[in-house]
Amino acid sequence: MLKTYPVGDLRQVTTRLHAEFSALSHQRVERCVADTWRCAEHLGFDVTPGLVERVAREHLQAMVKSEPPSNLGSTVVPGSGPHGRTG
């Protein structure tokens, strides 16, 4: 049987991570934290706020790094760079 997660712990983890990842919406960070908690429970881990925070932080870092560049004018066309010359 799965345990329910303590709402206060999730709020604290979400608050800390949102401060660290302010580029992401609060709702997105909150969802990541809740999903991480549920996933760890489902996998049978002894879920602690520290574990959830570490795993959610890794996931949020991946989200931030995978965001497309905001400056579309800097798009590199294949073959146009100094190392991509053809012919």
C-alpha atoms as a PDB file:
ATOM      1  CA  MET A   1       0.000   0.000   0.000  1.00  0.00           C
ATOM      2  CA  LEU A   2       1.315   3.431  -0.933  1.00  0.00           C
ATOM      3  CA  LYS A   3       1.747   6.097   1.708  1.00  0.00           C
ATOM      4  CA  THR A   4       0.344   9.532   1.136  1.00  0.00           C
ATOM      5  CA  TYR A   5       2.924  12.259   0.925  1.00  0.00           C
ATOM      6  CA  PRO A   6       3.102  15.005   3.544  1.00  0.00           C
ATOM      7  CA  VAL A   7       1.854  18.189   1.902  1.00  0.00           C
ATOM      8  CA  GLY A   8       4.033  20.432   4.088  1.00  0.00           C
ATOM      9  CA  ASP A   9       7.205  18.625   3.012  1.00  0.00           C
ATOM     10  CA  LEU A  10       6.253  18.918  -0.650  1.00  0.00           C
ATOM     11  CA  ARG A  11       5.585  22.641  -0.259  1.00  0.00           C
ATOM     12  CA  GLN A  12       8.992  23.223   1.327  1.00  0.00           C
ATOM     13  CA  VAL A  13      10.794  21.261  -1.392  1.00  0.00           C
ATOM     14  CA  THR A  14       8.799  23.065  -4.088  1.00  0.00           C
ATOM     15  CA  THR A  15       9.587  26.467  -2.576  1.00  0.00           C
ATOM     16  CA  ARG A  16      13.325  25.754  -2.432  1.00  0.00           C
ATOM     17  CA  LEU A  17      13.445  24.388  -5.962  1.00  0.00           C
ATOM     18  CA  HIS A  18      11.353  27.193  -7.416  1.00  0.00           C
ATOM     19  CA  ALA A  19      13.779  29.702  -5.908  1.00  0.00           C
ATOM     20  CA  GLU A  20      16.602  27.821  -7.624  1.00  0.00           C
ATOM     21  CA  PHE A  21      14.750  27.389 -10.942  1.00  0.00           C
ATOM     22  CA  SER A  22      12.869  30.675 -11.158  1.00  0.00           C
ATOM     23  CA  ALA A  23      12.865  30.488 -14.971  1.00  0.00           C
ATOM     24  CA  LEU A  24      10.291  27.694 -14.656  1.00  0.00           C
ATOM     25  CA  SER A  25       6.741  28.316 -13.491  1.00  0.00           C
ATOM     26  CA  HIS A  26       5.831  27.474  -9.910  1.00  0.00           C
ATOM     27  CA  GLN A  27       3.222  25.040 -11.225  1.00  0.00           C
ATOM     28  CA  ARG A  28       5.829  23.205 -13.321  1.00  0.00           C
ATOM     29  CA  VAL A  29       8.180  22.851 -10.346  1.00  0.00           C
ATOM     30  CA  GLU A  30       5.311  21.752  -8.087  1.00  0.00           C
ATOM     31  CA  ARG A  31       4.248  19.097 -10.607  1.00  0.00           C
ATOM     32  CA  CYS A  32       7.818  17.811 -10.905  1.00  0.00           C
ATOM     33  CA  VAL A  33       8.154  17.483  -7.126  1.00  0.00           C
ATOM     34  CA  ALA A  34       4.805  15.689  -6.761  1.00  0.00           C
ATOM     35  CA  ASP A  35       5.555  13.356  -9.673  1.00  0.00           C
ATOM     36  CA  THR A  36       8.994  12.572  -8.267  1.00  0.00           C
ATOM     37  CA  TRP A  37       7.471  11.698  -4.873  1.00  0.00           C
ATOM     38  CA  ARG A  38       4.846   9.429  -6.461  1.00  0.00           C
ATOM     39  CA  CYS A  39       7.392   7.731  -8.709  1.00  0.00           C
ATOM     40  CA  ALA A  40       9.756   7.002  -5.815  1.00  0.00           C
ATOM     41  CA  GLU A  41       6.839   5.564  -3.809  1.00  0.00           C
ATOM     42  CA  HIS A  42       5.753   3.450  -6.756  1.00  0.00           C
ATOM     43  CA  LEU A  43       9.270   2.054  -7.123  1.00  0.00           C
ATOM     44  CA  GLY A  44       9.297   1.085  -3.432  1.00  0.00           C
ATOM     45  CA  PHE A  45      11.887   3.560  -2.167  1.00  0.00           C
ATOM     46  CA  ASP A  46      11.819   4.914   1.371  1.00  0.00           C
ATOM     47  CA  VAL A  47      10.731   8.372   0.254  1.00  0.00           C
ATOM     48  CA  THR A  48      12.155  11.359   2.098  1.00  0.00           C
ATOM     49  CA  PRO A  49      11.980  15.058   1.259  1.00  0.00           C
ATOM     50  CA  GLY A  50      15.762  15.010   0.686  1.00  0.00           C
ATOM     51  CA  LEU A  51      15.535  12.206  -1.845  1.00  0.00           C
ATOM     52  CA  VAL A  52      12.679  13.902  -3.672  1.00  0.00           C
ATOM     53  CA  GLU A  53      14.522  17.222  -3.727  1.00  0.00           C
ATOM     54  CA  ARG A  54      17.693  15.687  -5.188  1.00  0.00           C
ATOM     55  CA  VAL A  55      15.882  13.722  -7.898  1.00  0.00           C
ATOM     56  CA  ALA A  56      13.516  16.588  -8.781  1.00  0.00           C
ATOM     57  CA  ARG A  57      16.498  18.984  -8.976  1.00  0.00           C
ATOM     58  CA  GLU A  58      18.165  16.717 -11.553  1.00  0.00           C
ATOM     59  CA  HIS A  59      14.966  16.588 -13.587  1.00  0.00           C
ATOM     60  CA  LEU A  60      14.483  20.364 -13.412  1.00  0.00           C
ATOM     61  CA  GLN A  61      18.095  20.928 -14.506  1.00  0.00           C
ATOM     62  CA  ALA A  62      17.418  18.727 -17.534  1.00  0.00           C
ATOM     63  CA  MET A  63      14.269  20.741 -18.299  1.00  0.00           C
ATOM     64  CA  VAL A  64      16.160  24.025 -18.178  1.00  0.00           C
ATOM     65  CA  LYS A  65      19.009  22.703 -20.327  1.00  0.00           C
ATOM     66  CA  SER A  66      16.579  21.336 -22.931  1.00  0.00           C
ATOM     67  CA  GLU A  67      14.692  24.620 -23.393  1.00  0.00           C
ATOM     68  CA  PRO A  68      15.128  25.962 -26.922  1.00  0.00           C
ATOM     69  CA  PRO A  69      17.207  29.111 -27.291  1.00  0.00           C
ATOM     70  CA  SER A  70      15.128  32.242 -26.889  1.00  0.00           C
ATOM     71  CA  ASN A  71      17.033  34.042 -29.598  1.00  0.00           C
ATOM     72  CA  LEU A  72      15.861  32.444 -32.847  1.00  0.00           C
ATOM     73  CA  GLY A  73      18.132  34.749 -34.843  1.00  0.00           C
ATOM     74  CA  SER A  74      21.158  32.813 -33.641  1.00  0.00           C
ATOM     75  CA  THR A  75      20.064  29.574 -35.293  1.00  0.00           C
ATOM     76  CA  VAL A  76      22.958  27.878 -37.035  1.00  0.00           C
ATOM     77  CA  VAL A  77      22.235  26.518 -40.484  1.00  0.00           C
ATOM     78  CA  PRO A  78      23.988  23.181 -41.097  1.00  0.00           C
ATOM     79  CA  GLY A  79      27.056  23.665 -43.263  1.00  0.00           C
ATOM     80  CA  SER A  80      27.284  27.420 -42.603  1.00  0.00           C
ATOM     81  CA  GLY A  81      29.670  27.366 -39.640  1.00  0.00           C
ATOM     82  CA  PRO A  82      33.488  27.368 -39.830  1.00  0.00           C
ATOM     83  CA  HIS A  83      33.658  23.590 -39.323  1.00  0.00           C
ATOM     84  CA  GLY A  84      30.607  22.720 -41.378  1.00  0.00           C
ATOM     85  CA  ARG A  85      31.797  23.819 -44.793  1.00  0.00           C
ATOM     86  CA  THR A  86      31.006  21.476 -47.591  1.00  0.00           C
ATOM     87  CA  GLY A  87      32.581  21.071 -51.002  1.00  0.00           C
END
